[in-house]
PDB file of N, CA and C in Angstrom:
ATOM      1  N   MET A   1      54.270  62.697   8.226  1.00  0.00           N
ATOM      2  CA  MET A   1      54.494  64.070   7.818  1.00  0.00           C
ATOM      3  C   MET A   1      53.358  64.471   6.874  1.00  0.00           C
ATOM      4  N   PRO A   2      52.788  65.654   7.073  1.00  0.00           N
ATOM      5  CA  PRO A   2      51.730  66.094   6.171  1.00  0.00           C
ATOM      6  C   PRO A   2      52.237  66.199   4.730  1.00  0.00           C
ATOM      7  N   LEU A   3      51.374  65.896   3.785  1.00  0.00           N
ATOM      8  CA  LEU A   3      51.731  65.863   2.376  1.00  0.00           C
ATOM      9  C   LEU A   3      52.295  67.188   1.872  1.00  0.00           C
ATOM     10  N   PHE A   4      51.730  68.311   2.326  1.00  0.00           N
ATOM     11  CA  PHE A   4      52.181  69.605   1.816  1.00  0.00           C
ATOM     12  C   PHE A   4      53.603  69.949   2.267  1.00  0.00           C
ATOM     13  N   LEU A   5      54.157  69.239   3.255  1.00  0.00           N
ATOM     14  CA  LEU A   5      55.515  69.508   3.717  1.00  0.00           C
ATOM     15  C   LEU A   5      56.593  68.735   2.956  1.00  0.00           C
ATOM     16  N   TYR A   6      56.206  67.761   2.139  1.00  0.00           N
ATOM     17  CA  TYR A   6      57.191  66.947   1.439  1.00  0.00           C
ATOM     18  C   TYR A   6      58.053  67.757   0.468  1.00  0.00           C
ATOM     19  N   ARG A   7      57.539  68.842  -0.063  1.00  0.00           N
ATOM     20  CA  ARG A   7      58.298  69.641  -1.030  1.00  0.00           C
ATOM     21  C   ARG A   7      59.274  70.600  -0.367  1.00  0.00           C
ATOM     22  N   ILE A   8      59.165  70.805   0.919  1.00  0.00           N
ATOM     23  CA  ILE A   8      60.018  71.751   1.640  1.00  0.00           C
ATOM     24  C   ILE A   8      61.348  71.088   1.975  1.00  0.00           C
ATOM     25  N   GLN A   9      62.436  71.777   1.653  1.00  0.00           N
ATOM     26  CA  GLN A   9      63.759  71.274   2.022  1.00  0.00           C
ATOM     27  C   GLN A   9      64.014  71.645   3.475  1.00  0.00           C
ATOM     28  N   TRP A  10      64.513  70.687   4.238  1.00  0.00           N
ATOM     29  CA  TRP A  10      64.781  70.956   5.639  1.00  0.00           C
ATOM     30  C   TRP A  10      65.971  70.139   6.102  1.00  0.00           C
ATOM     31  N   LEU A  11      66.606  70.595   7.156  1.00  0.00           N
ATOM     32  CA  LEU A  11      67.730  69.901   7.775  1.00  0.00           C
ATOM     33  C   LEU A  11      67.481  69.829   9.266  1.00  0.00           C
ATOM     34  N   ASP A  12      67.829  68.700   9.843  1.00  0.00           N
ATOM     35  CA  ASP A  12      67.659  68.498  11.281  1.00  0.00           C
ATOM     36  C   ASP A  12      69.005  68.733  11.967  1.00  0.00           C
ATOM     37  N   PHE A  13      69.126  69.844  12.682  1.00  0.00           N
ATOM     38  CA  PHE A  13      70.370  70.191  13.370  1.00  0.00           C
ATOM     39  C   PHE A  13      70.422  69.595  14.776  1.00  0.00           C
ATOM     40  N   ARG A  14      69.369  68.946  15.226  1.00  0.00           N
ATOM     41  CA  ARG A  14      69.313  68.469  16.609  1.00  0.00           C
ATOM     42  C   ARG A  14      70.229  67.292  16.875  1.00  0.00           C
ATOM     43  N   THR A  15      70.355  66.356  15.957  1.00  0.00           N
ATOM     44  CA  THR A  15      71.115  65.140  16.245  1.00  0.00           C
ATOM     45  C   THR A  15      72.584  65.263  15.883  1.00  0.00           C
ATOM     46  N   ASN A  16      72.902  65.892  14.747  1.00  0.00           N
ATOM     47  CA  ASN A  16      74.296  66.027  14.331  1.00  0.00           C
ATOM     48  C   ASN A  16      74.459  67.402  13.691  1.00  0.00           C
ATOM     49  N   TYR A  17      74.813  68.369  14.503  1.00  0.00           N
ATOM     50  CA  TYR A  17      74.895  69.760  14.045  1.00  0.00           C
ATOM     51  C   TYR A  17      75.904  69.897  12.914  1.00  0.00           C
ATOM     52  N   GLU A  18      77.090  69.341  13.078  1.00  0.00           N
ATOM     53  CA  GLU A  18      78.159  69.505  12.079  1.00  0.00           C
ATOM     54  C   GLU A  18      77.747  68.947  10.722  1.00  0.00           C
ATOM     55  N   ALA A  19      77.154  67.757  10.700  1.00  0.00           N
ATOM     56  CA  ALA A  19      76.733  67.150   9.432  1.00  0.00           C
ATOM     57  C   ALA A  19      75.628  67.982   8.770  1.00  0.00           C
ATOM     58  N   ALA A  20      74.683  68.459   9.560  1.00  0.00           N
ATOM     59  CA  ALA A  20      73.602  69.275   9.004  1.00  0.00           C
ATOM     60  C   ALA A  20      74.147  70.596   8.472  1.00  0.00           C
ATOM     61  N   PHE A  21      75.099  71.173   9.174  1.00  0.00           N
ATOM     62  CA  PHE A  21      75.696  72.428   8.729  1.00  0.00           C
ATOM     63  C   PHE A  21      76.438  72.237   7.404  1.00  0.00           C
ATOM     64  N   GLN A  22      77.208  71.164   7.308  1.00  0.00           N
ATOM     65  CA  GLN A  22      77.935  70.890   6.067  1.00  0.00           C
ATOM     66  C   GLN A  22      76.964  70.655   4.909  1.00  0.00           C
ATOM     67  N   ARG A  23      75.863  69.978   5.182  1.00  0.00           N
ATOM     68  CA  ARG A  23      74.848  69.750   4.153  1.00  0.00           C
ATOM     69  C   ARG A  23      74.226  71.074   3.703  1.00  0.00           C
ATOM     70  N   LEU A  24      73.971  71.960   4.653  1.00  0.00           N
ATOM     71  CA  LEU A  24      73.422  73.270   4.330  1.00  0.00           C
ATOM     72  C   LEU A  24      74.371  74.040   3.407  1.00  0.00           C
ATOM     73  N   VAL A  25      75.638  74.056   3.751  1.00  0.00           N
ATOM     74  CA  VAL A  25      76.620  74.759   2.930  1.00  0.00           C
ATOM     75  C   VAL A  25      76.689  74.135   1.540  1.00  0.00           C
ATOM     76  N   ALA A  26      76.606  72.823   1.463  1.00  0.00           N
ATOM     77  CA  ALA A  26      76.717  72.128   0.178  1.00  0.00           C
ATOM     78  C   ALA A  26      75.565  72.464  -0.768  1.00  0.00           C
ATOM     79  N   VAL A  27      74.387  72.730  -0.250  1.00  0.00           N
ATOM     80  CA  VAL A  27      73.237  72.982  -1.118  1.00  0.00           C
ATOM     81  C   VAL A  27      73.011  74.467  -1.401  1.00  0.00           C
ATOM     82  N   LEU A  28      73.838  75.336  -0.840  1.00  0.00           N
ATOM     83  CA  LEU A  28      73.707  76.761  -1.132  1.00  0.00           C
ATOM     84  C   LEU A  28      74.092  77.024  -2.583  1.00  0.00           C
ATOM     85  N   PRO A  29      73.452  77.988  -3.238  1.00  0.00           N
ATOM     86  CA  PRO A  29      73.835  78.341  -4.606  1.00  0.00           C
ATOM     87  C   PRO A  29      75.291  78.802  -4.661  1.00  0.00           C
ATOM     88  N   GLU A  30      75.926  78.583  -5.781  1.00  0.00           N
ATOM     89  CA  GLU A  30      77.348  78.899  -5.950  1.00  0.00           C
ATOM     90  C   GLU A  30      77.669  80.354  -5.612  1.00  0.00           C
ATOM     91  N   GLY A  31      76.804  81.285  -5.993  1.00  0.00           N
ATOM     92  CA  GLY A  31      77.054  82.697  -5.731  1.00  0.00           C
ATOM     93  C   GLY A  31      77.006  83.076  -4.263  1.00  0.00           C
ATOM     94  N   VAL A  32      76.430  82.241  -3.437  1.00  0.00           N
ATOM     95  CA  VAL A  32      76.312  82.534  -2.009  1.00  0.00           C
ATOM     96  C   VAL A  32      77.534  82.021  -1.254  1.00  0.00           C
ATOM     97  N   ARG A  33      78.084  80.913  -1.697  1.00  0.00           N
ATOM     98  CA  ARG A  33      79.214  80.289  -1.011  1.00  0.00           C
ATOM     99  C   ARG A  33      80.491  81.095  -1.200  1.00  0.00           C
ATOM    100  N   GLU A  34      81.369  81.005  -0.224  1.00  0.00           N
ATOM    101  CA  GLU A  34      82.696  81.603  -0.328  1.00  0.00           C
ATOM    102  C   GLU A  34      83.693  80.509  -0.696  1.00  0.00           C
ATOM    103  N   ASP A  35      84.881  80.913  -1.104  1.00  0.00           N
ATOM    104  CA  ASP A  35      85.904  79.934  -1.462  1.00  0.00           C
ATOM    105  C   ASP A  35      86.435  79.180  -0.254  1.00  0.00           C
ATOM    106  N   ARG A  36      86.412  79.815   0.877  1.00  0.00           N
ATOM    107  CA  ARG A  36      86.926  79.140   2.078  1.00  0.00           C
ATOM    108  C   ARG A  36      85.784  78.433   2.798  1.00  0.00           C
ATOM    109  N   PRO A  37      86.079  77.338   3.469  1.00  0.00           N
ATOM    110  CA  PRO A  37      85.011  76.615   4.186  1.00  0.00           C
ATOM    111  C   PRO A  37      84.460  77.448   5.342  1.00  0.00           C
ATOM    112  N   LEU A  38      83.182  77.371   5.551  1.00  0.00           N
ATOM    113  CA  LEU A  38      82.531  78.079   6.654  1.00  0.00           C
ATOM    114  C   LEU A  38      82.612  77.242   7.916  1.00  0.00           C
ATOM    115  N   GLN A  39      82.738  77.910   9.020  1.00  0.00           N
ATOM    116  CA  GLN A  39      82.757  77.240  10.315  1.00  0.00           C
ATOM    117  C   GLN A  39      81.488  77.616  11.069  1.00  0.00           C
ATOM    118  N   PRO A  40      80.915  76.684  11.809  1.00  0.00           N
ATOM    119  CA  PRO A  40      79.725  77.021  12.602  1.00  0.00           C
ATOM    120  C   PRO A  40      80.058  78.120  13.610  1.00  0.00           C
ATOM    121  N   ALA A  41      79.101  78.978  13.870  1.00  0.00           N
ATOM    122  CA  ALA A  41      79.293  80.046  14.849  1.00  0.00           C
ATOM    123  C   ALA A  41      79.463  79.453  16.236  1.00  0.00           C
ATOM    124  N   LYS A  42      80.239  80.131  17.052  1.00  0.00           N
ATOM    125  CA  LYS A  42      80.412  79.706  18.427  1.00  0.00           C
ATOM    126  C   LYS A  42      79.100  79.902  19.175  1.00  0.00           C
ATOM    127  N   PRO A  43      78.708  78.966  20.018  1.00  0.00           N
ATOM    128  CA  PRO A  43      77.462  79.143  20.776  1.00  0.00           C
ATOM    129  C   PRO A  43      77.520  80.422  21.615  1.00  0.00           C
ATOM    130  N   GLN A  44      76.380  81.084  21.749  1.00  0.00           N
ATOM    131  CA  GLN A  44      76.316  82.299  22.537  1.00  0.00           C
ATOM    132  C   GLN A  44      76.369  81.997  24.029  1.00  0.00           C
ATOM    133  N   SER A  45      76.125  80.774  24.393  1.00  0.00           N
ATOM    134  CA  SER A  45      76.054  80.407  25.798  1.00  0.00           C
ATOM    135  C   SER A  45      76.606  78.998  25.978  1.00  0.00           C
ATOM    136  N   LYS A  46      77.137  78.715  27.152  1.00  0.00           N
ATOM    137  CA  LYS A  46      77.606  77.366  27.459  1.00  0.00           C
ATOM    138  C   LYS A  46      76.430  76.409  27.604  1.00  0.00           C
ATOM    139  N   GLY A  47      75.291  76.923  27.928  1.00  0.00           N
ATOM    140  CA  GLY A  47      74.101  76.117  28.146  1.00  0.00           C
ATOM    141  C   GLY A  47      73.032  76.974  28.792  1.00  0.00           C
ATOM    142  N   TYR A  48      71.903  76.375  29.014  1.00  0.00           N
ATOM    143  CA  TYR A  48      70.791  77.112  29.601  1.00  0.00           C
ATOM    144  C   TYR A  48      70.330  76.431  30.873  1.00  0.00           C
ATOM    145  N   VAL A  49      69.909  77.242  31.811  1.00  0.00           N
ATOM    146  CA  VAL A  49      69.419  76.768  33.094  1.00  0.00           C
ATOM    147  C   VAL A  49      67.971  77.213  33.227  1.00  0.00           C
ATOM    148  N   PHE A  50      67.123  76.289  33.625  1.00  0.00           N
ATOM    149  CA  PHE A  50      65.718  76.590  33.880  1.00  0.00           C
ATOM    150  C   PHE A  50      65.586  76.918  35.359  1.00  0.00           C
ATOM    151  N   ILE A  51      65.034  78.076  35.687  1.00  0.00           N
ATOM    152  CA  ILE A  51      64.901  78.503  37.082  1.00  0.00           C
ATOM    153  C   ILE A  51      63.423  78.603  37.438  1.00  0.00           C
ATOM    154  N   SER A  52      63.039  77.829  38.420  1.00  0.00           N
ATOM    155  CA  SER A  52      61.681  77.902  38.956  1.00  0.00           C
ATOM    156  C   SER A  52      61.814  77.971  40.468  1.00  0.00           C
ATOM    157  N   TYR A  53      61.142  78.916  41.094  1.00  0.00           N
ATOM    158  CA  TYR A  53      61.375  79.118  42.520  1.00  0.00           C
ATOM    159  C   TYR A  53      60.171  79.758  43.183  1.00  0.00           C
ATOM    160  N   ALA A  54      60.178  79.701  44.506  1.00  0.00           N
ATOM    161  CA  ALA A  54      59.136  80.336  45.302  1.00  0.00           C
ATOM    162  C   ALA A  54      59.487  81.807  45.498  1.00  0.00           C
ATOM    163  N   GLN A  55      58.494  82.629  45.703  1.00  0.00           N
ATOM    164  CA  GLN A  55      58.683  84.073  45.841  1.00  0.00           C
ATOM    165  C   GLN A  55      59.701  84.416  46.926  1.00  0.00           C
ATOM    166  N   GLU A  56      59.706  83.649  48.018  1.00  0.00           N
ATOM    167  CA  GLU A  56      60.628  83.959  49.114  1.00  0.00           C
ATOM    168  C   GLU A  56      62.104  83.689  48.762  1.00  0.00           C
ATOM    169  N   ASP A  57      62.356  83.029  47.647  1.00  0.00           N
ATOM    170  CA  ASP A  57      63.730  82.765  47.201  1.00  0.00           C
ATOM    171  C   ASP A  57      64.227  83.784  46.174  1.00  0.00           C
ATOM    172  N   THR A  58      63.496  84.848  45.960  1.00  0.00           N
ATOM    173  CA  THR A  58      63.814  85.817  44.918  1.00  0.00           C
ATOM    174  C   THR A  58      65.209  86.412  45.082  1.00  0.00           C
ATOM    175  N   ASP A  59      65.595  86.781  46.304  1.00  0.00           N
ATOM    176  CA  ASP A  59      66.920  87.387  46.512  1.00  0.00           C
ATOM    177  C   ASP A  59      68.040  86.434  46.085  1.00  0.00           C
ATOM    178  N   PHE A  60      67.909  85.166  46.449  1.00  0.00           N
ATOM    179  CA  PHE A  60      68.910  84.180  46.041  1.00  0.00           C
ATOM    180  C   PHE A  60      68.944  84.033  44.519  1.00  0.00           C
ATOM    181  N   VAL A  61      67.789  83.994  43.903  1.00  0.00           N
ATOM    182  CA  VAL A  61      67.718  83.806  42.448  1.00  0.00           C
ATOM    183  C   VAL A  61      68.324  84.998  41.709  1.00  0.00           C
ATOM    184  N   ILE A  62      68.183  86.187  42.226  1.00  0.00           N
ATOM    185  CA  ILE A  62      68.812  87.356  41.605  1.00  0.00           C
ATOM    186  C   ILE A  62      70.325  87.180  41.600  1.00  0.00           C
ATOM    187  N   ARG A  63      70.894  86.726  42.712  1.00  0.00           N
ATOM    188  CA  ARG A  63      72.340  86.461  42.769  1.00  0.00           C
ATOM    189  C   ARG A  63      72.718  85.312  41.835  1.00  0.00           C
ATOM    190  N   LEU A  64      71.864  84.290  41.761  1.00  0.00           N
ATOM    191  CA  LEU A  64      72.125  83.153  40.875  1.00  0.00           C
ATOM    192  C   LEU A  64      72.152  83.589  39.414  1.00  0.00           C
ATOM    193  N   ARG A  65      71.209  84.428  39.004  1.00  0.00           N
ATOM    194  CA  ARG A  65      71.186  84.925  37.619  1.00  0.00           C
ATOM    195  C   ARG A  65      72.467  85.682  37.290  1.00  0.00           C
ATOM    196  N   ASP A  66      72.922  86.536  38.217  1.00  0.00           N
ATOM    197  CA  ASP A  66      74.174  87.274  37.990  1.00  0.00           C
ATOM    198  C   ASP A  66      75.349  86.312  37.850  1.00  0.00           C
ATOM    199  N   PHE A  67      75.393  85.295  38.698  1.00  0.00           N
ATOM    200  CA  PHE A  67      76.461  84.295  38.619  1.00  0.00           C
ATOM    201  C   PHE A  67      76.442  83.574  37.276  1.00  0.00           C
ATOM    202  N   LEU A  68      75.257  83.150  36.834  1.00  0.00           N
ATOM    203  CA  LEU A  68      75.144  82.444  35.552  1.00  0.00           C
ATOM    204  C   LEU A  68      75.591  83.325  34.393  1.00  0.00           C
ATOM    205  N   LYS A  69      75.212  84.594  34.405  1.00  0.00           N
ATOM    206  CA  LYS A  69      75.640  85.516  33.352  1.00  0.00           C
ATOM    207  C   LYS A  69      77.158  85.657  33.329  1.00  0.00           C
ATOM    208  N   ASP A  70      77.763  85.810  34.529  1.00  0.00           N
ATOM    209  CA  ASP A  70      79.222  85.965  34.619  1.00  0.00           C
ATOM    210  C   ASP A  70      79.955  84.741  34.088  1.00  0.00           C
ATOM    211  N   LYS A  71      79.380  83.560  34.268  1.00  0.00           N
ATOM    212  CA  LYS A  71      80.028  82.309  33.850  1.00  0.00           C
ATOM    213  C   LYS A  71      79.678  81.907  32.417  1.00  0.00           C
ATOM    214  N   GLY A  72      78.857  82.716  31.735  1.00  0.00           N
ATOM    215  CA  GLY A  72      78.550  82.436  30.334  1.00  0.00           C
ATOM    216  C   GLY A  72      77.378  81.512  30.093  1.00  0.00           C
ATOM    217  N   TYR A  73      76.515  81.354  31.076  1.00  0.00           N
ATOM    218  CA  TYR A  73      75.338  80.515  30.923  1.00  0.00           C
ATOM    219  C   TYR A  73      74.108  81.387  30.695  1.00  0.00           C
ATOM    220  N   GLY A  74      73.180  80.874  29.925  1.00  0.00           N
ATOM    221  CA  GLY A  74      71.895  81.523  29.767  1.00  0.00           C
ATOM    222  C   GLY A  74      70.913  80.913  30.751  1.00  0.00           C
ATOM    223  N   TYR A  75      69.809  81.581  30.955  1.00  0.00           N
ATOM    224  CA  TYR A  75      68.799  81.026  31.846  1.00  0.00           C
ATOM    225  C   TYR A  75      67.416  81.431  31.375  1.00  0.00           C
ATOM    226  N   TRP A  76      66.438  80.697  31.832  1.00  0.00           N
ATOM    227  CA  TRP A  76      65.036  81.011  31.585  1.00  0.00           C
ATOM    228  C   TRP A  76      64.381  81.081  32.941  1.00  0.00           C
ATOM    229  N   ASP A  77      63.777  82.209  33.213  1.00  0.00           N
ATOM    230  CA  ASP A  77      63.162  82.460  34.504  1.00  0.00           C
ATOM    231  C   ASP A  77      61.687  82.785  34.275  1.00  0.00           C
ATOM    232  N   TYR A  78      60.816  82.111  34.981  1.00  0.00           N
ATOM    233  CA  TYR A  78      59.396  82.312  34.721  1.00  0.00           C
ATOM    234  C   TYR A  78      58.963  83.749  34.973  1.00  0.00           C
ATOM    235  N   GLN A  79      59.632  84.480  35.864  1.00  0.00           N
ATOM    236  CA  GLN A  79      59.228  85.862  36.128  1.00  0.00           C
ATOM    237  C   GLN A  79      59.684  86.799  35.011  1.00  0.00           C
ATOM    238  N   ASP A  80      60.775  86.476  34.332  1.00  0.00           N
ATOM    239  CA  ASP A  80      61.255  87.296  33.213  1.00  0.00           C
ATOM    240  C   ASP A  80      60.529  86.969  31.920  1.00  0.00           C
ATOM    241  N   SER A  81      59.794  85.898  31.898  1.00  0.00           N
ATOM    242  CA  SER A  81      59.183  85.387  30.683  1.00  0.00           C
ATOM    243  C   SER A  81      57.845  86.062  30.387  1.00  0.00           C
ATOM    244  N   ASP A  82      57.561  86.185  29.098  1.00  0.00           N
ATOM    245  CA  ASP A  82      56.227  86.589  28.667  1.00  0.00           C
ATOM    246  C   ASP A  82      55.429  85.312  28.445  1.00  0.00           C
ATOM    247  N   ARG A  83      55.337  84.505  29.447  1.00  0.00           N
ATOM    248  CA  ARG A  83      54.776  83.157  29.367  1.00  0.00           C
ATOM    249  C   ARG A  83      53.347  83.160  28.876  1.00  0.00           C
ATOM    250  N   ASP A  84      53.109  82.349  27.869  1.00  0.00           N
ATOM    251  CA  ASP A  84      51.757  82.092  27.387  1.00  0.00           C
ATOM    252  C   ASP A  84      51.356  80.728  27.951  1.00  0.00           C
ATOM    253  N   TYR A  85      50.511  80.710  28.935  1.00  0.00           N
ATOM    254  CA  TYR A  85      50.164  79.474  29.612  1.00  0.00           C
ATOM    255  C   TYR A  85      49.284  78.543  28.776  1.00  0.00           C
ATOM    256  N   HIS A  86      48.972  78.956  27.540  1.00  0.00           N
ATOM    257  CA  HIS A  86      48.183  78.102  26.659  1.00  0.00           C
ATOM    258  C   HIS A  86      49.061  77.321  25.691  1.00  0.00           C
ATOM    259  N   THR A  87      50.389  77.499  25.763  1.00  0.00           N
ATOM    260  CA  THR A  87      51.304  76.740  24.913  1.00  0.00           C
ATOM    261  C   THR A  87      52.092  75.779  25.778  1.00  0.00           C
ATOM    262  N   GLN A  88      52.786  74.888  25.128  1.00  0.00           N
ATOM    263  CA  GLN A  88      53.598  73.926  25.861  1.00  0.00           C
ATOM    264  C   GLN A  88      54.922  74.575  26.246  1.00  0.00           C
ATOM    265  N   LEU A  89      55.371  74.336  27.472  1.00  0.00           N
ATOM    266  CA  LEU A  89      56.561  74.971  28.013  1.00  0.00           C
ATOM    267  C   LEU A  89      57.795  74.693  27.158  1.00  0.00           C
ATOM    268  N   PHE A  90      57.976  73.470  26.664  1.00  0.00           N
ATOM    269  CA  PHE A  90      59.194  73.144  25.916  1.00  0.00           C
ATOM    270  C   PHE A  90      59.301  73.978  24.638  1.00  0.00           C
ATOM    271  N   LEU A  91      58.186  74.384  24.051  1.00  0.00           N
ATOM    272  CA  LEU A  91      58.235  75.220  22.861  1.00  0.00           C
ATOM    273  C   LEU A  91      58.784  76.610  23.198  1.00  0.00           C
ATOM    274  N   GLU A  92      58.374  77.138  24.327  1.00  0.00           N
ATOM    275  CA  GLU A  92      58.898  78.433  24.741  1.00  0.00           C
ATOM    276  C   GLU A  92      60.389  78.325  25.073  1.00  0.00           C
ATOM    277  N   LEU A  93      60.804  77.257  25.742  1.00  0.00           N
ATOM    278  CA  LEU A  93      62.204  77.089  26.092  1.00  0.00           C
ATOM    279  C   LEU A  93      63.069  76.976  24.850  1.00  0.00           C
ATOM    280  N   GLU A  94      62.581  76.329  23.795  1.00  0.00           N
ATOM    281  CA  GLU A  94      63.349  76.201  22.559  1.00  0.00           C
ATOM    282  C   GLU A  94      63.607  77.567  21.927  1.00  0.00           C
ATOM    283  N   THR A  95      62.660  78.492  22.040  1.00  0.00           N
ATOM    284  CA  THR A  95      62.862  79.806  21.440  1.00  0.00           C
ATOM    285  C   THR A  95      63.825  80.658  22.246  1.00  0.00           C
ATOM    286  N   VAL A  96      63.994  80.364  23.524  1.00  0.00           N
ATOM    287  CA  VAL A  96      64.940  81.112  24.353  1.00  0.00           C
ATOM    288  C   VAL A  96      66.346  80.654  24.021  1.00  0.00           C
TER     289      VAL A  96
END
């Protein structure tokens, strides 16, 4: 880890979300916390689907996107994306 980052407080939510969330609440200043325990927000989506397809499959993919939306899933579609081909794909997927 670079030396200048050692002073920054951070929590890793990737491995154990609940523990990191509880730690976050514990370190908040007293005036910010409420008397009742906070609960993590419900996920906005059941999960995400990566869609990559050939142009001739566009009609099927349009129906697939509608199905995923109806069932509560998010998706990432290369045609809907403002893809920057100079960055790594996983970084863009994390922001979606």
